[in-house]
Amino acid sequence: MSEEEEVKFDRGSSLSIFGSDRKEDVMALVFALIIATAVYFSY
């Protein structure tokens, strides 16, 4: 595949409330950690 035919994937960034995918990924990890901690201490 030549450079002109490079496939670009749309990750749906237009629907995101964050400016970049990196911020979105970090916030998802933080929320997952909070939920996992809450579940761990609730049982």
PDB file of N, CA and C in Angstrom:
ATOM      1  N   MET A   1       0.848  -1.173   0.000  1.00  0.00           N
ATOM      2  CA  MET A   1       0.000   0.000   0.000  1.00  0.00           C
ATOM      3  C   MET A   1       0.898   1.243   0.000  1.00  0.00           C
ATOM      4  N   SER A   2       0.661   2.110  -0.940  1.00  0.00           N
ATOM      5  CA  SER A   2       1.488   3.315  -1.032  1.00  0.00           C
ATOM      6  C   SER A   2       1.044   4.349  -0.002  1.00  0.00           C
ATOM      7  N   GLU A   3       1.860   5.383   0.127  1.00  0.00           N
ATOM      8  CA  GLU A   3       1.551   6.410   1.130  1.00  0.00           C
ATOM      9  C   GLU A   3       0.277   7.172   0.787  1.00  0.00           C
ATOM     10  N   GLU A   4      -0.039   7.291  -0.503  1.00  0.00           N
ATOM     11  CA  GLU A   4      -1.257   8.006  -0.894  1.00  0.00           C
ATOM     12  C   GLU A   4      -2.511   7.226  -0.506  1.00  0.00           C
ATOM     13  N   GLU A   5      -2.393   5.905  -0.399  1.00  0.00           N
ATOM     14  CA  GLU A   5      -3.539   5.054  -0.108  1.00  0.00           C
ATOM     15  C   GLU A   5      -3.630   4.674   1.360  1.00  0.00           C
ATOM     16  N   GLU A   6      -2.930   5.386   2.210  1.00  0.00           N
ATOM     17  CA  GLU A   6      -2.929   5.062   3.644  1.00  0.00           C
ATOM     18  C   GLU A   6      -4.338   5.187   4.220  1.00  0.00           C
ATOM     19  N   VAL A   7      -4.748   4.160   4.938  1.00  0.00           N
ATOM     20  CA  VAL A   7      -6.089   4.129   5.508  1.00  0.00           C
ATOM     21  C   VAL A   7      -6.085   4.899   6.831  1.00  0.00           C
ATOM     22  N   LYS A   8      -7.029   5.799   6.980  1.00  0.00           N
ATOM     23  CA  LYS A   8      -7.160   6.551   8.228  1.00  0.00           C
ATOM     24  C   LYS A   8      -8.451   6.123   8.906  1.00  0.00           C
ATOM     25  N   PHE A   9      -8.360   5.838  10.195  1.00  0.00           N
ATOM     26  CA  PHE A   9      -9.504   5.367  10.944  1.00  0.00           C
ATOM     27  C   PHE A   9     -10.111   6.520  11.729  1.00  0.00           C
ATOM     28  N   ASP A  10     -11.427   6.629  11.699  1.00  0.00           N
ATOM     29  CA  ASP A  10     -12.135   7.643  12.465  1.00  0.00           C
ATOM     30  C   ASP A  10     -12.598   7.005  13.765  1.00  0.00           C
ATOM     31  N   ARG A  11     -12.087   7.484  14.903  1.00  0.00           N
ATOM     32  CA  ARG A  11     -12.428   6.892  16.192  1.00  0.00           C
ATOM     33  C   ARG A  11     -13.644   7.563  16.819  1.00  0.00           C
ATOM     34  N   GLY A  12     -14.335   8.395  16.081  1.00  0.00           N
ATOM     35  CA  GLY A  12     -15.496   9.065  16.635  1.00  0.00           C
ATOM     36  C   GLY A  12     -15.123  10.232  17.527  1.00  0.00           C
ATOM     37  N   SER A  13     -14.013  10.889  17.245  1.00  0.00           N
ATOM     38  CA  SER A  13     -13.531  11.972  18.090  1.00  0.00           C
ATOM     39  C   SER A  13     -14.499  13.147  18.139  1.00  0.00           C
ATOM     40  N   SER A  14     -15.355  13.279  17.136  1.00  0.00           N
ATOM     41  CA  SER A  14     -16.288  14.399  17.116  1.00  0.00           C
ATOM     42  C   SER A  14     -17.332  14.286  18.228  1.00  0.00           C
ATOM     43  N   LEU A  15     -17.530  13.084  18.762  1.00  0.00           N
ATOM     44  CA  LEU A  15     -18.503  12.888  19.829  1.00  0.00           C
ATOM     45  C   LEU A  15     -17.873  12.988  21.208  1.00  0.00           C
ATOM     46  N   SER A  16     -16.575  13.122  21.262  1.00  0.00           N
ATOM     47  CA  SER A  16     -15.863  13.133  22.534  1.00  0.00           C
ATOM     48  C   SER A  16     -15.934  14.512  23.183  1.00  0.00           C
ATOM     49  N   ILE A  17     -15.988  14.530  24.526  1.00  0.00           N
ATOM     50  CA  ILE A  17     -15.974  15.806  25.240  1.00  0.00           C
ATOM     51  C   ILE A  17     -14.546  16.249  25.513  1.00  0.00           C
ATOM     52  N   PHE A  18     -13.567  15.408  25.187  1.00  0.00           N
ATOM     53  CA  PHE A  18     -12.168  15.720  25.423  1.00  0.00           C
ATOM     54  C   PHE A  18     -11.525  16.181  24.120  1.00  0.00           C
ATOM     55  N   GLY A  19     -10.492  16.994  24.248  1.00  0.00           N
ATOM     56  CA  GLY A  19      -9.822  17.519  23.070  1.00  0.00           C
ATOM     57  C   GLY A  19      -8.925  16.518  22.387  1.00  0.00           C
ATOM     58  N   SER A  20      -8.429  15.541  23.131  1.00  0.00           N
ATOM     59  CA  SER A  20      -7.517  14.573  22.522  1.00  0.00           C
ATOM     60  C   SER A  20      -7.860  13.168  22.985  1.00  0.00           C
ATOM     61  N   ASP A  21      -7.445  12.201  22.190  1.00  0.00           N
ATOM     62  CA  ASP A  21      -7.696  10.803  22.536  1.00  0.00           C
ATOM     63  C   ASP A  21      -6.912  10.395  23.772  1.00  0.00           C
ATOM     64  N   ARG A  22      -5.737  10.994  23.968  1.00  0.00           N
ATOM     65  CA  ARG A  22      -4.914  10.637  25.133  1.00  0.00           C
ATOM     66  C   ARG A  22      -5.629  11.023  26.427  1.00  0.00           C
ATOM     67  N   LYS A  23      -6.212  12.213  26.475  1.00  0.00           N
ATOM     68  CA  LYS A  23      -6.955  12.637  27.675  1.00  0.00           C
ATOM     69  C   LYS A  23      -8.147  11.722  27.922  1.00  0.00           C
ATOM     70  N   GLU A  24      -8.820  11.349  26.845  1.00  0.00           N
ATOM     71  CA  GLU A  24      -9.971  10.461  26.966  1.00  0.00           C
ATOM     72  C   GLU A  24      -9.550   9.101  27.523  1.00  0.00           C
ATOM     73  N   ASP A  25      -8.436   8.563  27.035  1.00  0.00           N
ATOM     74  CA  ASP A  25      -7.947   7.270  27.523  1.00  0.00           C
ATOM     75  C   ASP A  25      -7.531   7.338  28.987  1.00  0.00           C
ATOM     76  N   VAL A  26      -6.857   8.423  29.377  1.00  0.00           N
ATOM     77  CA  VAL A  26      -6.428   8.571  30.766  1.00  0.00           C
ATOM     78  C   VAL A  26      -7.636   8.683  31.689  1.00  0.00           C
ATOM     79  N   MET A  27      -8.634   9.459  31.297  1.00  0.00           N
ATOM     80  CA  MET A  27      -9.829   9.599  32.132  1.00  0.00           C
ATOM     81  C   MET A  27     -10.582   8.273  32.233  1.00  0.00           C
ATOM     82  N   ALA A  28     -10.616   7.495  31.161  1.00  0.00           N
ATOM     83  CA  ALA A  28     -11.258   6.179  31.216  1.00  0.00           C
ATOM     84  C   ALA A  28     -10.524   5.266  32.200  1.00  0.00           C
ATOM     85  N   LEU A  29      -9.197   5.317  32.200  1.00  0.00           N
ATOM     86  CA  LEU A  29      -8.431   4.510  33.150  1.00  0.00           C
ATOM     87  C   LEU A  29      -8.664   4.962  34.585  1.00  0.00           C
ATOM     88  N   VAL A  30      -8.757   6.271  34.808  1.00  0.00           N
ATOM     89  CA  VAL A  30      -9.006   6.795  36.155  1.00  0.00           C
ATOM     90  C   VAL A  30     -10.380   6.352  36.648  1.00  0.00           C
ATOM     91  N   PHE A  31     -11.393   6.484  35.796  1.00  0.00           N
ATOM     92  CA  PHE A  31     -12.740   6.055  36.209  1.00  0.00           C
ATOM     93  C   PHE A  31     -12.789   4.556  36.467  1.00  0.00           C
ATOM     94  N   ALA A  32     -12.093   3.764  35.657  1.00  0.00           N
ATOM     95  CA  ALA A  32     -12.066   2.322  35.871  1.00  0.00           C
ATOM     96  C   ALA A  32     -11.387   1.980  37.191  1.00  0.00           C
ATOM     97  N   LEU A  33     -10.329   2.706  37.530  1.00  0.00           N
ATOM     98  CA  LEU A  33      -9.640   2.482  38.800  1.00  0.00           C
ATOM     99  C   LEU A  33     -10.545   2.841  39.977  1.00  0.00           C
ATOM    100  N   ILE A  34     -11.272   3.946  39.856  1.00  0.00           N
ATOM    101  CA  ILE A  34     -12.196   4.357  40.917  1.00  0.00           C
ATOM    102  C   ILE A  34     -13.294   3.307  41.106  1.00  0.00           C
ATOM    103  N   ILE A  35     -13.862   2.839  40.009  1.00  0.00           N
ATOM    104  CA  ILE A  35     -14.927   1.825  40.099  1.00  0.00           C
ATOM    105  C   ILE A  35     -14.385   0.524  40.677  1.00  0.00           C
ATOM    106  N   ALA A  36     -13.204   0.101  40.238  1.00  0.00           N
ATOM    107  CA  ALA A  36     -12.617  -1.140  40.750  1.00  0.00           C
ATOM    108  C   ALA A  36     -12.311  -1.029  42.240  1.00  0.00           C
ATOM    109  N   THR A  37     -11.826   0.122  42.680  1.00  0.00           N
ATOM    110  CA  THR A  37     -11.542   0.330  44.098  1.00  0.00           C
ATOM    111  C   THR A  37     -12.831   0.313  44.919  1.00  0.00           C
ATOM    112  N   ALA A  38     -13.868   0.950  44.411  1.00  0.00           N
ATOM    113  CA  ALA A  38     -15.151   0.972  45.110  1.00  0.00           C
ATOM    114  C   ALA A  38     -15.736  -0.441  45.233  1.00  0.00           C
ATOM    115  N   VAL A  39     -15.647  -1.219  44.171  1.00  0.00           N
ATOM    116  CA  VAL A  39     -16.151  -2.586  44.205  1.00  0.00           C
ATOM    117  C   VAL A  39     -15.323  -3.434  45.163  1.00  0.00           C
ATOM    118  N   TYR A  40     -14.016  -3.254  45.150  1.00  0.00           N
ATOM    119  CA  TYR A  40     -13.132  -4.027  46.027  1.00  0.00           C
ATOM    120  C   TYR A  40     -13.449  -3.769  47.492  1.00  0.00           C
ATOM    121  N   PHE A  41     -13.647  -2.511  47.875  1.00  0.00           N
ATOM    122  CA  PHE A  41     -13.891  -2.181  49.273  1.00  0.00           C
ATOM    123  C   PHE A  41     -15.341  -2.381  49.700  1.00  0.00           C
ATOM    124  N   SER A  42     -16.255  -2.525  48.743  1.00  0.00           N
ATOM    125  CA  SER A  42     -17.660  -2.720  49.122  1.00  0.00           C
ATOM    126  C   SER A  42     -17.976  -4.190  49.415  1.00  0.00           C
ATOM    127  N   TYR A  43     -17.102  -5.112  49.042  1.00  0.00           N
ATOM    128  CA  TYR A  43     -17.359  -6.537  49.292  1.00  0.00           C
ATOM    129  C   TYR A  43     -16.420  -7.085  50.334  1.00  0.00           C
TER     130      TYR A  43
END
